[in-house]
């Protein structure tokens, strides 16, 4: 199961479409009462549905759109220059997310933020990663390889001798920090690798090609 579609209410569909296109979403479906968008990155979609009556502004779902750390500052500056006003200015929260808040034309609360690895793997995550901090991601010309090695930061010397098409290696990591790194650098592929990597860490194999 995965979450990749959210529908928000709208009162003025055209105004809301213009707002989300200004945010960078791409309109792909439109009818008199409905619109659906693709996000700039990834597979997720977002849609609007026209509703009658008042749309709740408090105790209502909150919509989060993540950007890169540097991209967040640029996007907030760009949107302000385009005339959008923010209810809460960009700031670092105690839960290690940088957030700025505004509302769409229907009054839905929008958070533009950057969390990076702290979204899924904050320091206070309740489940500990399986295995040890001995995982190395080897980047080759042909593929990625994850290797268990206790040689620490100098393990790259061994990997360089082992793989003729060795480019670089990253590590050592535990499973959570490795997944966090990979989700930032290769977000579209990492979802498909998650379960394989967990099984690898919990098993007896010493390497796995991705």
N, C-alpha and C. Protein backbone atom coordinates (compact mmCIF):
# COMPACT_ATOMS: atom_id res chain seq x y z
N UNK A 1 0.84 -1.19 0.00
CA UNK A 1 0.00 0.00 0.00
C UNK A 1 0.88 1.25 0.00
N UNK A 2 0.46 2.27 -0.73
CA UNK A 2 1.19 3.52 -0.74
C UNK A 2 0.21 4.67 -0.92
N UNK A 3 0.53 5.80 -0.35
CA UNK A 3 -0.28 7.01 -0.49
C UNK A 3 0.32 7.87 -1.58
N UNK A 4 -0.44 8.10 -2.64
CA UNK A 4 0.09 8.96 -3.71
C UNK A 4 -0.96 9.83 -4.36
N UNK A 5 -2.12 10.00 -3.70
CA UNK A 5 -3.16 10.86 -4.25
C UNK A 5 -3.91 11.52 -3.10
N UNK A 6 -4.03 12.83 -3.15
CA UNK A 6 -4.78 13.61 -2.18
C UNK A 6 -5.78 14.48 -2.95
N UNK A 7 -7.02 14.59 -2.44
CA UNK A 7 -8.01 15.48 -3.03
C UNK A 7 -8.38 16.55 -2.01
N UNK A 8 -8.34 17.81 -2.42
CA UNK A 8 -8.67 18.93 -1.55
C UNK A 8 -9.93 19.62 -2.08
N UNK A 9 -10.71 20.23 -1.20
CA UNK A 9 -11.91 20.94 -1.66
C UNK A 9 -11.57 22.29 -2.29
N UNK A 10 -12.42 22.71 -3.20
CA UNK A 10 -12.26 24.02 -3.86
C UNK A 10 -13.62 24.68 -3.98
N UNK A 11 -13.65 25.98 -3.97
CA UNK A 11 -14.89 26.73 -4.20
C UNK A 11 -14.85 27.39 -5.58
N UNK A 12 -13.75 28.04 -5.90
CA UNK A 12 -13.52 28.63 -7.22
C UNK A 12 -12.45 27.78 -7.91
N UNK A 13 -12.88 26.88 -8.78
CA UNK A 13 -11.94 25.92 -9.36
C UNK A 13 -10.85 26.61 -10.18
N UNK A 14 -11.21 27.61 -10.96
CA UNK A 14 -10.22 28.28 -11.81
C UNK A 14 -9.16 28.97 -10.96
N UNK A 15 -9.58 29.62 -9.88
CA UNK A 15 -8.62 30.29 -9.01
C UNK A 15 -7.69 29.30 -8.35
N UNK A 16 -8.24 28.15 -7.93
CA UNK A 16 -7.40 27.14 -7.29
C UNK A 16 -6.45 26.50 -8.29
N UNK A 17 -6.91 26.26 -9.52
CA UNK A 17 -6.02 25.72 -10.55
C UNK A 17 -4.85 26.67 -10.77
N UNK A 18 -5.14 27.96 -10.90
CA UNK A 18 -4.07 28.94 -11.12
C UNK A 18 -3.08 28.94 -9.96
N UNK A 19 -3.58 28.81 -8.73
CA UNK A 19 -2.72 28.79 -7.55
C UNK A 19 -1.77 27.60 -7.60
N UNK A 20 -2.29 26.41 -7.86
CA UNK A 20 -1.43 25.22 -7.83
C UNK A 20 -0.50 25.15 -9.04
N UNK A 21 -0.93 25.71 -10.16
CA UNK A 21 0.01 25.81 -11.28
C UNK A 21 1.14 26.77 -10.94
N UNK A 22 0.84 27.83 -10.21
CA UNK A 22 1.89 28.75 -9.77
C UNK A 22 2.87 28.03 -8.84
N UNK A 23 2.36 27.10 -8.02
CA UNK A 23 3.25 26.31 -7.15
C UNK A 23 4.16 25.38 -7.96
N UNK A 24 3.76 25.07 -9.20
CA UNK A 24 4.59 24.20 -10.03
C UNK A 24 3.95 22.88 -10.39
N UNK A 25 2.69 22.65 -9.98
CA UNK A 25 2.00 21.42 -10.33
C UNK A 25 1.53 21.49 -11.78
N UNK A 26 1.42 20.34 -12.43
CA UNK A 26 1.03 20.28 -13.85
C UNK A 26 -0.39 19.74 -13.97
N UNK A 27 -1.29 20.52 -14.56
CA UNK A 27 -2.68 20.12 -14.74
C UNK A 27 -2.77 19.00 -15.78
N UNK A 28 -3.42 17.88 -15.42
CA UNK A 28 -3.52 16.76 -16.37
C UNK A 28 -4.97 16.34 -16.64
N UNK A 29 -5.92 16.69 -15.74
CA UNK A 29 -7.33 16.35 -15.92
C UNK A 29 -8.16 17.54 -15.46
N UNK A 30 -9.20 17.86 -16.23
CA UNK A 30 -10.06 18.98 -15.84
C UNK A 30 -11.49 18.74 -16.31
N UNK A 31 -12.44 18.97 -15.41
CA UNK A 31 -13.86 18.97 -15.73
C UNK A 31 -14.48 20.16 -15.00
N UNK A 32 -15.77 20.41 -15.15
CA UNK A 32 -16.35 21.58 -14.47
C UNK A 32 -16.22 21.55 -12.95
N UNK A 33 -16.10 20.38 -12.36
CA UNK A 33 -16.07 20.29 -10.90
C UNK A 33 -14.81 19.61 -10.36
N UNK A 34 -13.84 19.32 -11.22
CA UNK A 34 -12.70 18.51 -10.78
C UNK A 34 -11.46 18.86 -11.58
N UNK A 35 -10.31 18.80 -10.93
CA UNK A 35 -9.02 18.97 -11.62
C UNK A 35 -8.00 18.08 -10.93
N UNK A 36 -7.10 17.52 -11.72
CA UNK A 36 -6.03 16.69 -11.14
C UNK A 36 -4.69 17.13 -11.72
N UNK A 37 -3.67 17.07 -10.87
CA UNK A 37 -2.33 17.54 -11.21
C UNK A 37 -1.30 16.44 -10.98
N UNK A 38 -0.21 16.53 -11.72
CA UNK A 38 1.00 15.76 -11.42
C UNK A 38 1.94 16.65 -10.63
N UNK A 39 2.69 16.03 -9.73
CA UNK A 39 3.73 16.77 -9.02
C UNK A 39 5.00 16.85 -9.87
N UNK A 40 5.84 17.87 -9.65
CA UNK A 40 7.05 17.99 -10.48
C UNK A 40 7.97 16.79 -10.39
N UNK A 41 7.99 16.10 -9.23
CA UNK A 41 8.84 14.93 -9.06
C UNK A 41 8.02 13.78 -8.49
N UNK A 42 8.38 12.56 -8.88
CA UNK A 42 7.71 11.39 -8.33
C UNK A 42 6.41 11.07 -9.03
N UNK A 43 5.69 10.07 -8.51
CA UNK A 43 4.47 9.58 -9.12
C UNK A 43 3.21 10.21 -8.53
N UNK A 44 3.30 10.92 -7.43
CA UNK A 44 2.12 11.38 -6.72
C UNK A 44 1.29 12.34 -7.56
N UNK A 45 -0.04 12.29 -7.34
CA UNK A 45 -0.94 13.24 -7.97
C UNK A 45 -1.73 13.95 -6.87
N UNK A 46 -2.29 15.08 -7.24
CA UNK A 46 -3.06 15.92 -6.32
C UNK A 46 -4.27 16.43 -7.08
N UNK A 47 -5.43 16.45 -6.43
CA UNK A 47 -6.63 16.88 -7.15
C UNK A 47 -7.48 17.83 -6.33
N UNK A 48 -8.38 18.52 -7.02
CA UNK A 48 -9.32 19.46 -6.43
C UNK A 48 -10.73 19.04 -6.81
N UNK A 49 -11.65 19.19 -5.87
CA UNK A 49 -13.05 18.87 -6.15
C UNK A 49 -13.91 20.01 -5.62
N UNK A 50 -14.76 20.56 -6.48
CA UNK A 50 -15.60 21.68 -6.08
C UNK A 50 -16.66 21.20 -5.09
N UNK A 51 -16.79 21.92 -4.00
CA UNK A 51 -17.80 21.59 -2.99
C UNK A 51 -18.69 22.81 -2.74
N UNK A 52 -19.88 22.54 -2.23
CA UNK A 52 -20.79 23.61 -1.87
C UNK A 52 -20.66 23.90 -0.38
N UNK A 53 -20.91 25.13 -0.01
CA UNK A 53 -20.86 25.49 1.40
C UNK A 53 -19.47 25.90 1.84
N UNK A 54 -19.35 26.17 3.12
CA UNK A 54 -18.11 26.67 3.70
C UNK A 54 -17.06 25.57 3.80
N UNK A 55 -15.83 25.91 3.48
CA UNK A 55 -14.71 24.98 3.61
C UNK A 55 -13.98 25.28 4.91
N UNK A 56 -13.81 24.27 5.73
CA UNK A 56 -13.21 24.46 7.05
C UNK A 56 -11.78 24.97 6.94
N UNK A 57 -11.44 25.96 7.76
CA UNK A 57 -10.08 26.49 7.82
C UNK A 57 -9.33 25.97 9.03
N UNK A 58 -10.04 25.55 10.05
CA UNK A 58 -9.42 25.03 11.27
C UNK A 58 -9.84 23.57 11.46
N UNK A 59 -9.01 22.80 12.15
CA UNK A 59 -9.29 21.39 12.39
C UNK A 59 -9.59 20.66 11.08
N UNK A 60 -8.84 21.00 10.05
CA UNK A 60 -9.00 20.42 8.71
C UNK A 60 -7.66 19.82 8.28
N UNK A 61 -7.67 18.95 7.29
CA UNK A 61 -6.40 18.38 6.82
C UNK A 61 -5.42 19.46 6.36
N UNK A 62 -4.14 19.21 6.56
CA UNK A 62 -3.07 20.12 6.16
C UNK A 62 -2.33 19.51 4.98
N UNK A 63 -1.97 20.32 4.00
CA UNK A 63 -1.32 19.84 2.79
C UNK A 63 0.15 20.23 2.82
N UNK A 64 1.04 19.24 2.66
CA UNK A 64 2.48 19.46 2.73
C UNK A 64 3.12 19.17 1.37
N UNK A 65 3.95 20.09 0.91
CA UNK A 65 4.72 19.91 -0.32
C UNK A 65 6.19 20.14 0.02
N UNK A 66 7.02 19.10 -0.21
CA UNK A 66 8.43 19.20 0.17
C UNK A 66 9.30 19.65 -0.99
N UNK A 67 10.29 20.48 -0.67
CA UNK A 67 11.29 20.94 -1.63
C UNK A 67 12.66 20.64 -1.06
N UNK A 68 13.68 20.79 -1.89
CA UNK A 68 15.04 20.68 -1.39
C UNK A 68 15.30 21.82 -0.43
N UNK A 69 16.36 21.71 0.36
CA UNK A 69 16.65 22.74 1.36
C UNK A 69 16.87 24.10 0.69
N UNK A 70 17.75 24.14 -0.32
CA UNK A 70 18.00 25.40 -1.03
C UNK A 70 16.78 25.82 -1.85
N UNK A 71 16.08 24.83 -2.43
CA UNK A 71 14.92 25.13 -3.25
C UNK A 71 13.79 25.76 -2.48
N UNK A 72 13.66 25.42 -1.19
CA UNK A 72 12.60 25.99 -0.36
C UNK A 72 12.75 27.50 -0.24
N UNK A 73 13.96 27.97 0.03
CA UNK A 73 14.18 29.42 0.14
C UNK A 73 13.85 30.12 -1.18
N UNK A 74 14.28 29.54 -2.29
CA UNK A 74 14.02 30.14 -3.59
C UNK A 74 12.53 30.18 -3.91
N UNK A 75 11.83 29.07 -3.55
CA UNK A 75 10.40 29.00 -3.87
C UNK A 75 9.61 30.00 -3.05
N UNK A 76 9.90 30.15 -1.78
CA UNK A 76 9.20 31.13 -0.96
C UNK A 76 9.43 32.54 -1.51
N UNK A 77 10.66 32.84 -1.88
CA UNK A 77 10.98 34.16 -2.44
C UNK A 77 10.24 34.38 -3.76
N UNK A 78 10.18 33.34 -4.61
CA UNK A 78 9.51 33.45 -5.90
C UNK A 78 8.01 33.69 -5.72
N UNK A 79 7.39 32.94 -4.82
CA UNK A 79 5.95 33.06 -4.61
C UNK A 79 5.58 34.42 -4.00
N UNK A 80 6.43 34.92 -3.12
CA UNK A 80 6.17 36.25 -2.57
C UNK A 80 6.26 37.31 -3.68
N UNK A 81 7.24 37.16 -4.57
CA UNK A 81 7.38 38.11 -5.67
C UNK A 81 6.19 38.03 -6.62
N UNK A 82 5.54 36.84 -6.67
CA UNK A 82 4.36 36.67 -7.53
C UNK A 82 3.09 37.17 -6.87
N UNK A 83 3.19 37.63 -5.63
CA UNK A 83 2.04 38.24 -4.97
C UNK A 83 1.37 37.40 -3.91
N UNK A 84 1.87 36.20 -3.63
CA UNK A 84 1.26 35.36 -2.60
C UNK A 84 1.73 35.80 -1.22
N UNK A 85 0.83 35.74 -0.26
CA UNK A 85 1.18 36.10 1.11
C UNK A 85 1.25 34.84 1.96
N UNK A 86 2.16 34.84 2.93
CA UNK A 86 2.37 33.70 3.81
C UNK A 86 1.82 34.02 5.20
N UNK A 87 1.14 33.04 5.78
CA UNK A 87 0.63 33.21 7.14
C UNK A 87 1.73 33.04 8.18
N UNK A 88 2.67 32.12 7.89
CA UNK A 88 3.78 31.89 8.79
C UNK A 88 5.06 31.87 7.97
N UNK A 89 6.02 32.67 8.35
CA UNK A 89 7.25 32.79 7.60
C UNK A 89 8.12 31.54 7.76
N UNK A 90 9.05 31.37 6.84
CA UNK A 90 9.93 30.21 6.84
C UNK A 90 10.77 30.18 8.12
N UNK A 91 10.73 29.04 8.81
CA UNK A 91 11.53 28.90 10.02
C UNK A 91 11.79 27.43 10.31
N UNK A 92 12.85 27.17 11.08
CA UNK A 92 13.19 25.83 11.50
C UNK A 92 12.39 25.48 12.74
N UNK A 93 11.64 24.37 12.67
CA UNK A 93 10.82 23.93 13.79
C UNK A 93 11.63 23.04 14.73
N UNK A 94 11.11 22.81 15.92
CA UNK A 94 11.81 21.98 16.90
C UNK A 94 11.89 20.53 16.46
N UNK A 95 11.01 20.11 15.53
CA UNK A 95 11.05 18.74 15.01
C UNK A 95 11.94 18.63 13.77
N UNK A 96 12.77 19.67 13.52
CA UNK A 96 13.83 19.67 12.51
C UNK A 96 13.31 19.79 11.08
N UNK A 97 12.10 20.29 10.92
CA UNK A 97 11.58 20.62 9.60
C UNK A 97 11.62 22.13 9.41
N UNK A 98 12.03 22.60 8.24
CA UNK A 98 11.91 24.01 7.89
C UNK A 98 10.59 24.19 7.15
N UNK A 99 9.74 25.11 7.66
CA UNK A 99 8.38 25.23 7.15
C UNK A 99 8.00 26.69 6.89
N UNK A 100 7.18 26.88 5.86
CA UNK A 100 6.51 28.15 5.61
C UNK A 100 5.06 27.83 5.24
N UNK A 101 4.11 28.62 5.76
CA UNK A 101 2.69 28.31 5.61
C UNK A 101 1.94 29.40 4.85
N UNK A 102 1.04 28.97 3.98
CA UNK A 102 0.13 29.86 3.27
C UNK A 102 -1.18 29.13 3.03
N UNK A 103 -2.13 29.79 2.38
CA UNK A 103 -3.42 29.16 2.08
C UNK A 103 -3.75 29.30 0.60
N UNK A 104 -4.43 28.27 0.08
CA UNK A 104 -4.88 28.35 -1.31
C UNK A 104 -6.17 29.17 -1.36
N UNK A 105 -6.71 29.44 -2.56
CA UNK A 105 -7.90 30.30 -2.65
C UNK A 105 -9.12 29.78 -1.90
N UNK A 106 -9.19 28.46 -1.64
CA UNK A 106 -10.32 27.90 -0.89
C UNK A 106 -10.10 27.96 0.61
N UNK A 107 -8.90 28.36 1.04
CA UNK A 107 -8.60 28.42 2.46
C UNK A 107 -7.89 27.20 3.00
N UNK A 108 -7.55 26.23 2.14
CA UNK A 108 -6.80 25.06 2.60
C UNK A 108 -5.40 25.48 3.03
N UNK A 109 -4.95 24.97 4.17
CA UNK A 109 -3.63 25.31 4.69
C UNK A 109 -2.56 24.53 3.95
N UNK A 110 -1.55 25.24 3.44
CA UNK A 110 -0.47 24.67 2.64
C UNK A 110 0.85 24.89 3.37
N UNK A 111 1.63 23.83 3.52
CA UNK A 111 2.96 23.95 4.10
C UNK A 111 3.99 23.62 3.02
N UNK A 112 4.87 24.56 2.75
CA UNK A 112 6.04 24.30 1.92
C UNK A 112 7.19 24.05 2.89
N UNK A 113 7.86 22.92 2.74
CA UNK A 113 8.81 22.55 3.79
C UNK A 113 9.97 21.74 3.23
N UNK A 114 11.00 21.61 4.08
CA UNK A 114 12.07 20.67 3.82
C UNK A 114 12.35 19.92 5.11
N UNK A 115 12.31 18.59 5.03
CA UNK A 115 12.60 17.75 6.19
C UNK A 115 13.78 16.83 5.93
N UNK A 116 14.01 16.47 4.66
CA UNK A 116 15.11 15.55 4.35
C UNK A 116 14.93 14.23 5.08
N UNK A 117 16.00 13.72 5.65
CA UNK A 117 15.94 12.43 6.33
C UNK A 117 15.11 12.49 7.60
N UNK A 118 14.85 13.67 8.13
CA UNK A 118 14.08 13.77 9.36
C UNK A 118 12.59 13.56 9.16
N UNK A 119 12.14 13.44 7.92
CA UNK A 119 10.74 13.13 7.68
C UNK A 119 10.43 11.69 8.09
N UNK A 120 11.22 10.75 7.60
CA UNK A 120 10.98 9.34 7.92
C UNK A 120 11.94 8.79 8.95
N UNK A 121 13.10 9.38 9.07
CA UNK A 121 14.12 8.82 9.96
C UNK A 121 14.66 9.88 10.93
N UNK A 122 13.77 10.48 11.75
CA UNK A 122 14.25 11.44 12.74
C UNK A 122 15.03 10.73 13.84
N UNK A 123 15.82 11.46 14.62
CA UNK A 123 16.60 10.82 15.69
C UNK A 123 15.72 10.09 16.70
N UNK A 124 14.45 10.49 16.85
CA UNK A 124 13.57 9.87 17.84
C UNK A 124 12.64 8.82 17.23
N UNK A 125 12.93 8.34 16.03
CA UNK A 125 12.11 7.28 15.45
C UNK A 125 12.02 6.10 16.42
N UNK A 126 10.80 5.54 16.57
CA UNK A 126 10.57 4.57 17.64
C UNK A 126 11.16 3.19 17.36
N UNK A 127 11.29 2.83 16.07
CA UNK A 127 11.85 1.50 15.78
C UNK A 127 13.32 1.63 15.41
N UNK A 128 14.16 0.86 16.06
CA UNK A 128 15.60 0.89 15.78
C UNK A 128 15.88 0.15 14.48
N UNK A 129 16.87 0.62 13.71
CA UNK A 129 17.20 -0.10 12.48
C UNK A 129 17.78 -1.46 12.79
N UNK A 130 17.44 -2.48 12.00
CA UNK A 130 18.05 -3.79 12.22
C UNK A 130 19.51 -3.77 11.79
N UNK A 131 20.28 -4.69 12.29
CA UNK A 131 21.67 -4.81 11.87
C UNK A 131 22.58 -3.79 12.53
N UNK A 132 23.74 -3.61 11.97
CA UNK A 132 24.78 -2.73 12.50
C UNK A 132 25.06 -1.58 11.53
N UNK A 133 25.74 -0.54 11.98
CA UNK A 133 26.14 0.55 11.07
C UNK A 133 27.35 0.15 10.23
N UNK A 134 27.16 -0.86 9.39
CA UNK A 134 28.27 -1.39 8.59
C UNK A 134 27.91 -1.50 7.11
N UNK A 135 26.92 -0.73 6.66
CA UNK A 135 26.47 -0.81 5.28
C UNK A 135 27.17 0.24 4.42
N UNK A 136 27.67 -0.19 3.28
CA UNK A 136 28.36 0.70 2.34
C UNK A 136 27.65 0.63 0.99
N UNK A 137 27.28 1.79 0.47
CA UNK A 137 26.68 1.86 -0.85
C UNK A 137 27.78 2.10 -1.87
N UNK A 138 27.99 1.13 -2.74
CA UNK A 138 29.02 1.22 -3.77
C UNK A 138 28.37 1.63 -5.08
N UNK A 139 28.85 2.72 -5.64
CA UNK A 139 28.33 3.21 -6.91
C UNK A 139 29.27 2.76 -8.02
N UNK A 140 28.74 1.94 -8.91
CA UNK A 140 29.51 1.43 -10.05
C UNK A 140 28.94 2.02 -11.34
N UNK A 141 29.63 1.80 -12.44
CA UNK A 141 29.12 2.25 -13.73
C UNK A 141 27.84 1.52 -14.10
N UNK A 142 27.74 0.25 -13.70
CA UNK A 142 26.64 -0.60 -14.15
C UNK A 142 25.49 -0.70 -13.16
N UNK A 143 25.73 -0.48 -11.87
CA UNK A 143 24.68 -0.68 -10.88
C UNK A 143 25.13 -0.13 -9.52
N UNK A 144 24.26 -0.25 -8.54
CA UNK A 144 24.60 0.01 -7.14
C UNK A 144 24.79 -1.33 -6.44
N UNK A 145 25.70 -1.37 -5.49
CA UNK A 145 25.89 -2.55 -4.66
C UNK A 145 25.94 -2.09 -3.21
N UNK A 146 25.24 -2.80 -2.34
CA UNK A 146 25.33 -2.55 -0.90
C UNK A 146 26.09 -3.70 -0.28
N UNK A 147 27.11 -3.38 0.50
CA UNK A 147 28.00 -4.38 1.10
C UNK A 147 28.05 -4.17 2.61
N UNK A 148 28.05 -5.29 3.33
CA UNK A 148 28.31 -5.24 4.77
C UNK A 148 29.81 -5.35 4.97
N UNK A 149 30.38 -4.37 5.65
CA UNK A 149 31.82 -4.38 5.91
C UNK A 149 32.10 -3.65 7.21
N UNK A 150 33.01 -4.21 8.01
CA UNK A 150 33.41 -3.60 9.28
C UNK A 150 34.71 -2.80 9.14
N UNK A 151 35.11 -2.48 7.90
CA UNK A 151 36.36 -1.76 7.68
C UNK A 151 36.20 -0.25 7.84
N UNK A 152 35.00 0.22 8.12
CA UNK A 152 34.78 1.64 8.36
C UNK A 152 34.95 2.50 7.12
N UNK A 153 35.38 3.74 7.32
CA UNK A 153 35.48 4.69 6.21
C UNK A 153 36.55 4.32 5.21
N UNK A 154 37.49 3.47 5.58
CA UNK A 154 38.56 3.06 4.67
C UNK A 154 38.18 1.87 3.80
N UNK A 155 36.93 1.40 3.93
CA UNK A 155 36.51 0.22 3.16
C UNK A 155 36.58 0.48 1.66
N UNK A 156 36.52 1.74 1.24
CA UNK A 156 36.54 2.04 -0.19
C UNK A 156 37.79 1.50 -0.87
N UNK A 157 38.89 1.37 -0.14
CA UNK A 157 40.11 0.85 -0.75
C UNK A 157 39.91 -0.59 -1.20
N UNK A 158 39.24 -1.39 -0.38
CA UNK A 158 38.95 -2.77 -0.75
C UNK A 158 37.96 -2.82 -1.89
N UNK A 159 36.94 -1.98 -1.84
CA UNK A 159 35.93 -1.98 -2.91
C UNK A 159 36.54 -1.57 -4.24
N UNK A 160 37.47 -0.65 -4.22
CA UNK A 160 38.13 -0.20 -5.44
C UNK A 160 38.89 -1.34 -6.11
N UNK A 161 39.48 -2.19 -5.30
CA UNK A 161 40.21 -3.33 -5.84
C UNK A 161 39.28 -4.44 -6.30
N UNK A 162 38.08 -4.51 -5.70
CA UNK A 162 37.15 -5.60 -5.99
C UNK A 162 36.35 -5.35 -7.26
N UNK A 163 35.95 -4.10 -7.49
CA UNK A 163 35.06 -3.79 -8.61
C UNK A 163 35.81 -2.95 -9.64
N UNK A 164 35.94 -3.49 -10.85
CA UNK A 164 36.70 -2.79 -11.90
C UNK A 164 36.04 -1.47 -12.29
N UNK A 165 34.69 -1.40 -12.19
CA UNK A 165 33.98 -0.18 -12.58
C UNK A 165 33.59 0.65 -11.35
N UNK A 166 34.33 0.51 -10.26
CA UNK A 166 34.08 1.26 -9.04
C UNK A 166 34.19 2.77 -9.30
N UNK A 167 33.20 3.53 -8.83
CA UNK A 167 33.24 5.00 -8.94
C UNK A 167 33.46 5.64 -7.57
N UNK A 168 32.64 5.24 -6.60
CA UNK A 168 32.80 5.73 -5.23
C UNK A 168 31.96 4.87 -4.31
N UNK A 169 32.15 5.05 -3.01
CA UNK A 169 31.32 4.35 -2.04
C UNK A 169 30.95 5.31 -0.91
N UNK A 170 29.79 5.08 -0.31
CA UNK A 170 29.27 5.92 0.76
C UNK A 170 28.98 5.04 1.97
N UNK A 171 29.52 5.43 3.10
CA UNK A 171 29.28 4.63 4.30
C UNK A 171 30.43 4.79 5.27
N UNK A 172 30.32 4.11 6.42
CA UNK A 172 29.28 3.14 6.75
C UNK A 172 27.99 3.79 7.27
N UNK A 173 26.87 3.08 7.05
CA UNK A 173 25.55 3.53 7.49
C UNK A 173 24.83 2.39 8.18
N UNK A 174 23.86 2.74 9.05
CA UNK A 174 22.88 1.73 9.43
C UNK A 174 21.77 1.78 8.39
N UNK A 175 20.78 0.91 8.50
CA UNK A 175 19.75 0.82 7.46
C UNK A 175 18.99 2.13 7.32
N UNK A 176 18.62 2.75 8.42
CA UNK A 176 17.81 3.97 8.34
C UNK A 176 18.58 5.11 7.70
N UNK A 177 19.83 5.32 8.08
CA UNK A 177 20.59 6.42 7.48
C UNK A 177 20.89 6.15 6.01
N UNK A 178 21.07 4.87 5.65
CA UNK A 178 21.29 4.53 4.25
C UNK A 178 20.03 4.82 3.43
N UNK A 179 18.87 4.40 3.93
CA UNK A 179 17.62 4.67 3.22
C UNK A 179 17.36 6.17 3.11
N UNK A 180 17.66 6.91 4.17
CA UNK A 180 17.46 8.36 4.13
C UNK A 180 18.32 8.99 3.04
N UNK A 181 19.58 8.58 2.97
CA UNK A 181 20.48 9.08 1.94
C UNK A 181 19.96 8.75 0.54
N UNK A 182 19.56 7.51 0.36
CA UNK A 182 19.13 7.07 -0.97
C UNK A 182 17.82 7.73 -1.38
N UNK A 183 16.93 7.98 -0.42
CA UNK A 183 15.66 8.62 -0.77
C UNK A 183 15.87 10.06 -1.21
N UNK A 184 16.89 10.71 -0.69
CA UNK A 184 17.19 12.08 -1.10
C UNK A 184 17.84 12.09 -2.49
N UNK A 185 18.79 11.19 -2.70
CA UNK A 185 19.55 11.19 -3.95
C UNK A 185 18.83 10.48 -5.09
N UNK A 186 18.12 9.40 -4.78
CA UNK A 186 17.46 8.59 -5.82
C UNK A 186 16.04 8.27 -5.37
N UNK A 187 15.17 9.28 -5.24
CA UNK A 187 13.85 9.07 -4.64
C UNK A 187 12.96 8.10 -5.40
N UNK A 188 13.01 8.10 -6.71
CA UNK A 188 12.10 7.26 -7.48
C UNK A 188 12.48 5.79 -7.41
N UNK A 189 13.76 5.47 -7.27
CA UNK A 189 14.18 4.08 -7.24
C UNK A 189 14.14 3.48 -5.84
N UNK A 190 14.36 4.30 -4.81
CA UNK A 190 14.56 3.76 -3.47
C UNK A 190 13.34 3.05 -2.93
N UNK A 191 12.14 3.49 -3.29
CA UNK A 191 10.94 2.81 -2.82
C UNK A 191 10.91 1.35 -3.20
N UNK A 192 11.39 1.04 -4.41
CA UNK A 192 11.40 -0.35 -4.87
C UNK A 192 12.49 -1.17 -4.18
N UNK A 193 13.49 -0.48 -3.62
CA UNK A 193 14.60 -1.19 -2.98
C UNK A 193 14.40 -1.41 -1.48
N UNK A 194 13.44 -0.72 -0.89
CA UNK A 194 13.32 -0.69 0.56
C UNK A 194 13.23 -2.09 1.17
N UNK A 195 12.29 -2.88 0.70
CA UNK A 195 12.07 -4.20 1.29
C UNK A 195 13.24 -5.15 1.02
N UNK A 196 13.84 -5.02 -0.16
CA UNK A 196 15.01 -5.85 -0.46
C UNK A 196 16.17 -5.53 0.47
N UNK A 197 16.36 -4.24 0.74
CA UNK A 197 17.46 -3.86 1.62
C UNK A 197 17.22 -4.32 3.06
N UNK A 198 15.98 -4.22 3.54
CA UNK A 198 15.69 -4.68 4.90
C UNK A 198 15.92 -6.18 5.01
N UNK A 199 15.47 -6.94 4.01
CA UNK A 199 15.68 -8.39 4.03
C UNK A 199 17.17 -8.71 3.98
N UNK A 200 17.93 -7.95 3.20
CA UNK A 200 19.37 -8.14 3.11
C UNK A 200 20.04 -7.90 4.46
N UNK A 201 19.68 -6.81 5.12
CA UNK A 201 20.28 -6.48 6.41
C UNK A 201 19.97 -7.56 7.45
N UNK A 202 18.76 -8.10 7.41
CA UNK A 202 18.34 -9.11 8.38
C UNK A 202 18.85 -10.51 8.03
N UNK A 203 19.38 -10.68 6.81
CA UNK A 203 19.83 -12.00 6.37
C UNK A 203 21.34 -12.18 6.52
N UNK A 204 21.84 -13.26 5.94
CA UNK A 204 23.25 -13.62 6.08
C UNK A 204 24.12 -13.18 4.91
N UNK A 205 23.49 -12.72 3.82
CA UNK A 205 24.28 -12.30 2.66
C UNK A 205 25.15 -11.10 3.01
N UNK A 206 26.29 -10.98 2.34
CA UNK A 206 27.22 -9.88 2.62
C UNK A 206 27.16 -8.79 1.56
N UNK A 207 26.46 -9.01 0.45
CA UNK A 207 26.33 -7.96 -0.57
C UNK A 207 25.05 -8.18 -1.35
N UNK A 208 24.57 -7.08 -1.93
CA UNK A 208 23.37 -7.15 -2.77
C UNK A 208 23.51 -6.11 -3.86
N UNK A 209 23.20 -6.49 -5.10
CA UNK A 209 23.22 -5.57 -6.22
C UNK A 209 21.82 -5.01 -6.43
N UNK A 210 21.73 -3.72 -6.72
CA UNK A 210 20.44 -3.06 -6.92
C UNK A 210 20.32 -2.57 -8.36
